[in-house]
Amino acid sequence: MKRVLIITYYWPPSGGSGVQRWLKMSKYLPEYGWQPVIYTTENAEYPIIDHSLEKDVAPNIEVIRRPITEPYSAYKKFLGINKDETVKMGFIQEKEKSKSWKSDLTLWVRGNFFIPDARCGWVKPSVRFMKEYLNEHPVDAIISTGPPHSMHLIALKLKEALGLPWIADFRDPWTEIDYYNDLHLTAWADRKHHRLEQEVLTKADKVVTVAPDGARRLGRLGNRNVRTIYNGFDRDDDTQTPVNLSEQFTITYLGVLSKIQNPSNLWQALSELIKEDSGFDKSLKINMIGQIDSTVVSSIDENGLTQHVAYSPYMPHDQVSAVHRSSTLLLLLLMPDSEPRAKGLVTGKLFEYMASGRPILCIGPEDGDAARILRETGAGQTVSFEDKNKTKEIIKNLYQRYLKNDLPNNTNTTIEQYSRKNMAEKYAKLLNQSV
């Protein structure tokens, strides 16, 4: 069996979306002839802890953990933030009450001195350690996954020193990430970000990302062909016990929800429906599970939906499947068409929603990658952020089917192509081409 070194910042007990891709890939790669060796942090300041994911770590997998020094403690102390409070990616503060000259200063320092991210101080010690380790414990290939994109810089240095085949895996973009222009970058820092990004994109043997539009965008930056390997869903995550559909008309959103994703027309459509139909008013329940931005909460309140909404913090991953399957409608909120990355957003949440068989309402570009997958699998419908009337009509029709006990349950076998196991097989084939 060949050995592949996977350089990742996120690893259990980290929770959230960042850990799932390579936790699941490493689970299934051995079935296709590749034994993962995980290089990760020993003392990372993860924003979310989820011990339920530890069950997916194969008992015989080698995990190398090394200490990391991160600036988060100093950042929180300087701003007077509680040490247990989550720090957003890029140090971006979305709550107006959190903004001050201090937050602006720390954001400027983050953007201009921590390049490409707050884990850049881990690069040199990691390269030093891993060169010695790999001389004694050889591997056949390297995969780095970012963000944080400092992981790619570790792989780049190892590639230059040892000549090993290297795949750079982008779960999210680098200089085209949503908050890049909010980092108060100087011209010098901007040039450095782009120079390092170019080095990774051109010197990696292969580059992979999670959606076709993102692959095209990265391909243009690096002047090369970028492969797409989706995130997918894991059938092992499905709850083994029967789950009853909620008696209420239950709309569920699960995950992080930022200001830019706020579906104001959805809240307006729901507000109109509860005014037009007293039965809908009594039946409607909205589950908002995860980190929800304050602007979204305000928008919900302004539309008179507060009494219908139940907010919950992060949910352990082993409980997610039951929540999906008990819901009437699953909400996938992407970005408005005006956002450059909107068409290429294909989140891991999409595939986990699909695995549940429950209907999906995607709010985002109707000609985007997620919309195409939903059409091809029959798993849901897509409506743009701007189209309130269509949003309202979709929910109204589904509510009528709910009253008739005729809710759709997607059993289309085409969704199986998006399993985590199939994605690992694709990655194994790519590795085989690299060595």
Protein backbone atom coordinates (compact mmCIF):
# COMPACT_ATOMS: atom_id res chain seq x y z
CA MET A 1 0.00 0.00 0.00
CA LYS A 2 1.32 3.45 -0.94
CA ARG A 3 1.59 6.18 1.70
CA VAL A 4 0.30 9.74 1.29
CA LEU A 5 1.13 12.58 3.68
CA ILE A 6 -1.93 14.80 4.28
CA ILE A 7 -1.09 18.22 5.71
CA THR A 8 -4.19 19.65 7.37
CA TYR A 9 -4.81 22.18 10.13
CA TYR A 10 -8.30 20.81 10.87
CA TRP A 11 -8.53 17.36 12.43
CA PRO A 12 -10.67 15.92 15.24
CA PRO A 13 -11.52 17.08 17.83
CA SER A 14 -12.07 20.05 15.49
CA GLY A 15 -15.68 20.35 14.40
CA GLY A 16 -17.27 22.30 11.57
CA SER A 17 -17.03 21.96 7.81
CA GLY A 18 -13.24 22.39 7.49
CA VAL A 19 -12.40 19.03 9.04
CA GLN A 20 -14.85 16.83 7.15
CA ARG A 21 -13.29 16.60 3.69
CA TRP A 22 -9.98 15.03 4.72
CA LEU A 23 -11.33 13.14 7.68
CA LYS A 24 -13.66 11.32 5.28
CA MET A 25 -11.12 11.00 2.46
CA SER A 26 -8.61 9.42 4.85
CA LYS A 27 -11.29 7.02 6.03
CA TYR A 28 -11.84 5.57 2.54
CA LEU A 29 -8.47 6.01 0.75
CA PRO A 30 -7.05 2.72 2.15
CA GLU A 31 -9.76 0.85 0.23
CA TYR A 32 -8.09 2.14 -2.94
CA GLY A 33 -4.48 1.39 -2.06
CA TRP A 34 -3.42 4.57 -0.25
CA GLN A 35 -2.57 4.73 3.45
CA PRO A 36 -2.90 8.30 4.81
CA VAL A 37 -0.35 9.81 7.19
CA ILE A 38 -1.89 12.87 8.84
CA TYR A 39 0.23 15.86 9.81
CA THR A 40 -1.74 18.26 11.97
CA THR A 41 -1.58 20.49 15.03
CA GLU A 42 -1.25 19.46 18.64
CA ASN A 43 -2.79 22.49 20.35
CA ALA A 44 -4.81 24.37 17.73
CA GLU A 45 -7.38 26.92 18.84
CA TYR A 46 -10.31 25.40 16.98
CA PRO A 47 -13.49 27.51 16.92
CA ILE A 48 -15.63 24.36 17.25
CA ILE A 49 -14.97 21.12 19.12
CA ASP A 50 -16.87 17.99 18.08
CA HIS A 51 -15.71 14.73 19.63
CA SER A 52 -18.36 12.76 17.69
CA LEU A 53 -16.14 13.01 14.59
CA GLU A 54 -13.39 11.01 16.26
CA LYS A 55 -15.22 7.79 15.39
CA ASP A 56 -14.27 8.36 11.74
CA VAL A 57 -10.53 8.34 12.48
CA ALA A 58 -9.35 4.89 11.43
CA PRO A 59 -7.73 3.06 14.38
CA ASN A 60 -4.59 2.21 12.37
CA ILE A 61 -4.08 5.66 10.86
CA GLU A 62 -0.84 7.47 11.69
CA VAL A 63 -1.48 10.98 13.06
CA ILE A 64 1.51 13.23 13.66
CA ARG A 65 0.72 16.19 15.89
CA ARG A 66 3.06 19.13 16.38
CA PRO A 67 2.63 22.25 18.55
CA ILE A 68 1.57 25.50 16.92
CA THR A 69 1.75 29.08 18.13
CA GLU A 70 -1.26 31.19 17.14
CA PRO A 71 -2.05 34.86 17.82
CA TYR A 72 -5.61 34.32 19.00
CA SER A 73 -5.01 34.71 22.73
CA ALA A 74 -3.24 38.05 22.22
CA TYR A 75 -5.98 39.11 19.78
CA LYS A 76 -8.77 38.37 22.26
CA LYS A 77 -6.91 39.99 25.16
CA PHE A 78 -6.27 43.16 23.12
CA LEU A 79 -9.94 43.45 22.12
CA GLY A 80 -11.30 42.42 25.51
CA ILE A 81 -13.02 39.37 24.03
CA ASN A 82 -13.89 36.40 26.21
CA LYS A 83 -11.24 33.70 25.77
CA ASP A 84 -13.95 31.16 24.87
CA GLU A 85 -15.45 33.32 22.11
CA THR A 86 -15.02 32.19 18.51
CA VAL A 87 -12.73 34.21 16.23
CA LYS A 88 -14.04 34.49 12.68
CA MET A 89 -11.91 33.66 9.69
CA GLY A 90 -9.72 36.59 8.71
CA PHE A 91 -10.44 38.30 12.06
CA ILE A 92 -13.49 39.90 10.38
CA GLN A 93 -15.95 41.30 12.93
CA GLU A 94 -19.47 41.37 11.48
CA LYS A 95 -21.27 42.66 14.56
CA GLU A 96 -21.29 46.44 14.51
CA LYS A 97 -20.94 46.64 18.28
CA SER A 98 -17.66 44.71 17.99
CA LYS A 99 -16.07 47.19 15.59
CA SER A 100 -13.63 49.74 16.95
CA TRP A 101 -10.23 51.23 16.19
CA LYS A 102 -8.75 48.23 17.96
CA SER A 103 -10.54 45.74 15.73
CA ASP A 104 -9.51 47.75 12.65
CA LEU A 105 -5.91 47.71 13.84
CA THR A 106 -5.86 43.97 14.50
CA LEU A 107 -7.44 43.35 11.11
CA TRP A 108 -4.73 45.46 9.45
CA VAL A 109 -2.01 43.56 11.34
CA ARG A 110 -3.62 40.23 10.41
CA GLY A 111 -3.78 41.12 6.71
CA ASN A 112 -0.31 42.62 6.37
CA PHE A 113 1.88 40.64 8.77
CA PHE A 114 0.24 37.20 8.92
CA ILE A 115 0.52 36.12 5.30
CA PRO A 116 -1.27 34.09 4.12
CA ASP A 117 -3.01 33.55 7.48
CA ALA A 118 -2.58 33.40 11.24
CA ARG A 119 -0.87 29.97 11.02
CA CYS A 120 2.07 31.19 8.94
CA GLY A 121 4.41 30.83 11.94
CA TRP A 122 3.90 27.05 11.77
CA VAL A 123 5.44 26.74 8.29
CA LYS A 124 9.18 26.79 9.08
CA PRO A 125 9.12 24.46 12.13
CA SER A 126 6.83 22.07 10.25
CA VAL A 127 9.12 21.92 7.23
CA ARG A 128 12.14 21.37 9.46
CA PHE A 129 10.44 18.53 11.37
CA MET A 130 8.83 16.86 8.36
CA LYS A 131 12.03 16.76 6.30
CA GLU A 132 13.66 14.69 9.04
CA TYR A 133 10.54 12.55 9.50
CA LEU A 134 10.18 11.81 5.77
CA ASN A 135 13.81 10.83 5.42
CA GLU A 136 13.17 8.07 7.97
CA HIS A 137 9.51 7.32 7.07
CA PRO A 138 9.13 7.89 3.31
CA VAL A 139 5.81 8.61 1.65
CA ASP A 140 4.86 8.38 -2.02
CA ALA A 141 2.96 11.68 -2.31
CA ILE A 142 1.87 14.79 -0.41
CA ILE A 143 -1.56 16.46 -0.22
CA SER A 144 -2.00 19.87 1.40
CA THR A 145 -5.46 21.23 2.09
CA GLY A 146 -6.39 24.86 2.68
CA PRO A 147 -7.54 27.12 4.08
CA PRO A 148 -5.53 27.86 6.06
CA HIS A 149 -3.28 28.20 3.02
CA SER A 150 -0.14 28.05 5.16
CA MET A 151 -0.59 24.27 4.78
CA HIS A 152 0.19 24.66 1.07
CA LEU A 153 3.40 26.54 1.91
CA ILE A 154 4.57 23.62 4.06
CA ALA A 155 3.95 21.26 1.15
CA LEU A 156 5.65 23.64 -1.30
CA LYS A 157 8.86 23.64 0.77
CA LEU A 158 8.76 19.85 1.15
CA LYS A 159 8.24 19.48 -2.60
CA GLU A 160 11.26 21.69 -3.29
CA ALA A 161 13.44 19.81 -0.77
CA LEU A 162 12.39 16.22 -1.47
CA GLY A 163 10.88 16.24 -4.97
CA LEU A 164 7.76 14.35 -3.91
CA PRO A 165 4.56 14.47 -5.99
CA TRP A 166 2.25 17.10 -4.50
CA ILE A 167 -1.47 17.81 -4.83
CA ALA A 168 -2.74 21.18 -3.55
CA ASP A 169 -6.36 20.85 -2.43
CA PHE A 170 -8.37 24.09 -2.18
CA ARG A 171 -11.53 23.78 -0.10
CA ASP A 172 -11.91 27.55 -0.49
CA PRO A 173 -10.04 30.09 -2.64
CA TRP A 174 -7.11 32.25 -1.51
CA THR A 175 -7.08 35.77 -2.94
CA GLU A 176 -10.67 35.36 -4.14
CA ILE A 177 -12.05 34.45 -0.70
CA ASP A 178 -15.05 36.60 0.29
CA TYR A 179 -13.25 38.61 2.96
CA TYR A 180 -9.95 39.19 1.11
CA ASN A 181 -10.78 42.79 0.22
CA ASP A 182 -11.71 43.49 3.86
CA LEU A 183 -8.20 42.77 5.17
CA HIS A 184 -6.91 46.36 4.70
CA LEU A 185 -3.98 45.08 2.66
CA THR A 186 -1.12 47.31 1.64
CA ALA A 187 0.08 47.02 -1.96
CA TRP A 188 3.11 45.09 -0.69
CA ALA A 189 0.97 42.56 1.22
CA ASP A 190 -1.40 42.13 -1.70
CA ARG A 191 1.53 41.37 -4.01
CA LYS A 192 2.90 38.83 -1.53
CA HIS A 193 -0.45 37.05 -1.23
CA HIS A 194 -0.71 36.79 -5.02
CA ARG A 195 2.94 35.72 -5.41
CA LEU A 196 2.57 32.90 -2.89
CA GLU A 197 -0.74 31.84 -4.42
CA GLN A 198 0.92 31.71 -7.85
CA GLU A 199 3.77 29.59 -6.50
CA VAL A 200 1.34 27.05 -5.08
CA LEU A 201 -0.84 26.97 -8.19
CA THR A 202 2.08 26.57 -10.59
CA LYS A 203 4.46 24.34 -8.61
CA ALA A 204 1.99 21.76 -7.32
CA ASP A 205 1.86 18.70 -9.57
CA LYS A 206 -1.92 18.82 -9.49
CA VAL A 207 -4.48 21.27 -8.09
CA VAL A 208 -7.93 20.20 -6.89
CA THR A 209 -10.96 22.09 -5.65
CA VAL A 210 -14.56 21.31 -4.70
CA ALA A 211 -16.67 22.69 -7.58
CA PRO A 212 -16.35 23.25 -11.36
CA ASP A 213 -16.69 27.05 -11.30
CA GLY A 214 -14.04 27.27 -8.58
CA ALA A 215 -11.80 25.02 -10.68
CA ARG A 216 -12.16 27.36 -13.65
CA ARG A 217 -11.36 30.40 -11.53
CA LEU A 218 -8.27 28.79 -9.96
CA GLY A 219 -7.27 27.51 -13.38
CA ARG A 220 -7.25 31.03 -14.79
CA LEU A 221 -5.09 32.26 -11.90
CA GLY A 222 -2.53 29.51 -12.35
CA ASN A 223 -2.88 29.02 -16.10
CA ARG A 224 -3.53 25.30 -15.74
CA ASN A 225 -6.18 22.61 -15.57
CA VAL A 226 -7.66 22.31 -12.06
CA ARG A 227 -9.60 19.16 -11.17
CA THR A 228 -12.92 19.04 -9.33
CA ILE A 229 -13.52 16.48 -6.61
CA TYR A 230 -16.66 17.22 -4.60
CA ASN A 231 -17.07 16.88 -0.84
CA GLY A 232 -19.91 14.36 -0.85
CA PHE A 233 -21.84 12.55 1.88
CA ASP A 234 -21.04 9.55 4.03
CA ARG A 235 -23.74 6.89 4.34
CA ASP A 236 -22.17 5.87 7.64
CA ASP A 237 -23.43 9.18 9.04
CA ASP A 238 -27.07 8.22 8.51
CA THR A 239 -28.81 7.52 11.77
CA GLN A 240 -29.64 3.86 12.19
CA THR A 241 -32.88 4.46 14.08
CA PRO A 242 -36.18 5.48 12.47
CA VAL A 243 -36.82 9.23 12.44
CA ASN A 244 -40.35 10.59 12.37
CA LEU A 245 -41.16 13.65 10.30
CA SER A 246 -41.90 16.66 12.48
CA GLU A 247 -45.60 17.35 12.98
CA GLN A 248 -44.97 21.02 12.22
CA PHE A 249 -44.03 22.47 8.85
CA THR A 250 -40.34 22.63 9.72
CA ILE A 251 -37.74 24.55 7.71
CA THR A 252 -34.16 23.81 8.80
CA TYR A 253 -30.91 25.64 8.14
CA LEU A 254 -27.74 24.14 9.56
CA GLY A 255 -24.29 25.73 9.47
CA VAL A 256 -22.60 29.12 9.49
CA LEU A 257 -24.71 31.97 8.06
CA SER A 258 -22.99 35.26 7.28
CA LYS A 259 -24.31 38.72 6.54
CA ILE A 260 -23.83 38.30 2.79
CA GLN A 261 -25.97 35.13 2.80
CA ASN A 262 -28.97 36.74 4.49
CA PRO A 263 -32.03 35.76 2.38
CA SER A 264 -34.16 38.84 3.06
CA ASN A 265 -36.70 37.89 0.38
CA LEU A 266 -37.22 34.50 2.02
CA TRP A 267 -38.08 36.14 5.33
CA GLN A 268 -40.47 38.51 3.52
CA ALA A 269 -42.11 35.61 1.69
CA LEU A 270 -42.63 33.69 4.93
CA SER A 271 -43.99 36.83 6.60
CA GLU A 272 -46.57 37.24 3.85
CA LEU A 273 -47.58 33.57 4.04
CA ILE A 274 -48.24 33.65 7.79
CA LYS A 275 -50.41 36.76 7.31
CA GLU A 276 -52.35 35.15 4.46
CA ASP A 277 -52.90 31.75 6.06
CA SER A 278 -53.57 31.26 9.78
CA GLY A 279 -52.90 27.53 9.42
CA PHE A 280 -49.43 28.20 8.04
CA ASP A 281 -48.86 30.68 10.88
CA LYS A 282 -49.67 28.01 13.48
CA SER A 283 -47.67 25.27 11.75
CA LEU A 284 -44.47 27.05 10.72
CA LYS A 285 -41.26 26.26 12.59
CA ILE A 286 -37.80 27.45 11.52
CA ASN A 287 -34.68 25.78 12.90
CA MET A 288 -31.54 27.93 12.68
CA ILE A 289 -28.67 25.73 13.85
CA GLY A 290 -25.12 27.04 14.00
CA GLN A 291 -23.36 30.41 13.92
CA ILE A 292 -25.96 32.92 12.66
CA ASP A 293 -24.86 36.50 12.00
CA SER A 294 -26.63 39.28 13.89
CA THR A 295 -27.88 40.88 10.66
CA VAL A 296 -29.78 37.68 9.84
CA VAL A 297 -31.39 37.63 13.28
CA SER A 298 -32.41 41.29 12.85
CA SER A 299 -33.93 40.56 9.44
CA ILE A 300 -35.95 37.68 10.89
CA ASP A 301 -37.20 39.90 13.72
CA GLU A 302 -38.14 42.74 11.34
CA ASN A 303 -40.35 40.35 9.37
CA GLY A 304 -42.28 39.19 12.42
CA LEU A 305 -40.90 35.65 12.41
CA THR A 306 -39.23 35.64 15.82
CA GLN A 307 -41.80 33.39 17.50
CA HIS A 308 -41.41 30.81 14.72
CA VAL A 309 -37.63 30.51 14.99
CA ALA A 310 -35.62 28.21 17.27
CA TYR A 311 -31.91 29.07 17.42
CA SER A 312 -29.38 26.43 18.40
CA PRO A 313 -25.57 26.49 18.59
CA TYR A 314 -23.32 24.08 16.74
CA MET A 315 -24.73 20.55 16.70
CA PRO A 316 -22.45 17.48 17.01
CA HIS A 317 -22.18 15.83 13.63
CA ASP A 318 -23.62 12.52 14.79
CA GLN A 319 -26.95 14.27 15.48
CA VAL A 320 -27.23 16.05 12.14
CA SER A 321 -28.76 13.24 10.08
CA ALA A 322 -31.77 12.88 12.41
CA VAL A 323 -32.47 16.63 12.23
CA HIS A 324 -32.31 16.58 8.43
CA ARG A 325 -34.66 13.63 8.16
CA SER A 326 -37.24 15.07 10.56
CA SER A 327 -37.50 18.36 8.65
CA THR A 328 -40.08 19.29 6.03
CA LEU A 329 -37.70 21.47 4.03
CA LEU A 330 -33.92 21.94 4.14
CA LEU A 331 -32.56 25.39 3.42
CA LEU A 332 -29.34 25.85 1.43
CA LEU A 333 -28.29 29.52 1.43
CA LEU A 334 -25.46 30.40 -0.95
CA MET A 335 -24.76 33.98 -2.14
CA PRO A 336 -26.44 36.53 -4.43
CA ASP A 337 -25.63 36.31 -8.14
CA SER A 338 -23.66 39.55 -7.87
CA GLU A 339 -20.97 37.84 -5.76
CA PRO A 340 -18.08 36.56 -7.93
CA ARG A 341 -17.93 33.15 -6.23
CA ALA A 342 -21.68 32.55 -6.04
CA LYS A 343 -22.00 30.19 -9.02
CA GLY A 344 -19.26 27.91 -7.75
CA LEU A 345 -20.45 27.44 -4.16
CA VAL A 346 -20.99 23.73 -3.58
CA THR A 347 -20.85 23.12 0.14
CA GLY A 348 -20.59 19.82 1.96
CA LYS A 349 -23.96 20.65 3.46
CA LEU A 350 -25.58 20.23 0.02
CA PHE A 351 -24.61 16.56 -0.18
CA GLU A 352 -25.57 15.78 3.41
CA TYR A 353 -28.96 17.37 2.71
CA MET A 354 -29.30 15.22 -0.41
CA ALA A 355 -28.52 12.04 1.53
CA SER A 356 -31.48 12.68 3.85
CA GLY A 357 -34.00 12.47 1.01
CA ARG A 358 -35.79 15.57 2.27
CA PRO A 359 -36.67 18.38 -0.20
CA ILE A 360 -34.08 21.17 -0.54
CA LEU A 361 -34.68 24.83 -1.27
CA CYS A 362 -31.47 26.40 -2.52
CA ILE A 363 -31.32 30.19 -2.61
CA GLY A 364 -28.53 31.22 -4.94
CA PRO A 365 -27.66 31.40 -8.67
CA GLU A 366 -30.09 29.37 -10.75
CA ASP A 367 -27.29 28.65 -13.23
CA GLY A 368 -24.73 27.72 -10.55
CA ASP A 369 -23.03 24.41 -9.83
CA ALA A 370 -25.26 23.61 -6.84
CA ALA A 371 -28.42 24.30 -8.88
CA ARG A 372 -27.21 21.91 -11.60
CA ILE A 373 -26.60 19.11 -9.08
CA LEU A 374 -30.06 19.60 -7.56
CA ARG A 375 -31.69 19.48 -11.02
CA GLU A 376 -29.78 16.38 -12.10
CA THR A 377 -30.61 14.46 -8.92
CA GLY A 378 -34.13 15.81 -8.40
CA ALA A 379 -33.12 16.66 -4.84
CA GLY A 380 -34.50 20.20 -4.73
CA GLN A 381 -35.20 23.54 -6.36
CA THR A 382 -33.13 26.70 -6.72
CA VAL A 383 -34.33 30.30 -6.66
CA SER A 384 -32.31 33.49 -6.83
CA PHE A 385 -31.93 35.79 -3.83
CA GLU A 386 -33.93 38.45 -5.70
CA ASP A 387 -37.00 36.36 -6.59
CA LYS A 388 -39.38 36.66 -3.65
CA ASN A 389 -42.45 35.53 -5.61
CA LYS A 390 -40.91 32.28 -6.78
CA THR A 391 -39.60 31.60 -3.27
CA LYS A 392 -43.05 32.15 -1.87
CA GLU A 393 -44.68 29.92 -4.49
CA ILE A 394 -42.28 27.02 -3.84
CA ILE A 395 -42.92 27.11 -0.08
CA LYS A 396 -46.68 27.51 -0.57
CA ASN A 397 -46.83 24.46 -2.87
CA LEU A 398 -44.79 22.39 -0.47
CA TYR A 399 -47.06 23.42 2.40
CA GLN A 400 -50.09 22.22 0.39
CA ARG A 401 -48.41 18.85 -0.07
CA TYR A 402 -47.61 18.79 3.64
CA LEU A 403 -51.33 19.23 4.43
CA LYS A 404 -52.15 16.30 2.11
CA ASN A 405 -49.43 14.14 3.69
CA ASP A 406 -47.83 13.99 0.24
CA LEU A 407 -44.36 15.36 0.91
CA PRO A 408 -41.66 14.38 -1.61
CA ASN A 409 -38.97 11.96 -0.48
CA ASN A 410 -36.10 11.81 -2.93
CA THR A 411 -34.94 8.24 -3.59
CA ASN A 412 -33.10 9.02 -6.85
CA THR A 413 -30.12 6.67 -6.97
CA THR A 414 -28.08 9.20 -8.95
CA ILE A 415 -27.15 10.92 -5.69
CA GLU A 416 -24.96 7.92 -4.83
CA GLN A 417 -22.32 9.20 -7.24
CA TYR A 418 -21.65 11.93 -4.66
CA SER A 419 -20.77 9.59 -1.80
CA ARG A 420 -17.56 10.22 0.16
CA LYS A 421 -16.41 6.75 -0.86
CA ASN A 422 -16.69 7.61 -4.56
CA MET A 423 -14.84 10.88 -3.98
CA ALA A 424 -11.99 8.97 -2.27
CA GLU A 425 -11.79 6.64 -5.27
CA LYS A 426 -11.43 9.66 -7.57
CA TYR A 427 -8.66 11.01 -5.36
CA ALA A 428 -6.87 7.65 -5.36
CA LYS A 429 -6.90 7.63 -9.17
CA LEU A 430 -5.43 11.13 -9.18
CA LEU A 431 -2.71 10.01 -6.76
CA ASN A 432 -1.94 7.02 -8.96
CA GLN A 433 -1.45 9.36 -11.91
CA SER A 434 0.94 11.49 -9.85
CA VAL A 435 3.44 8.83 -8.76
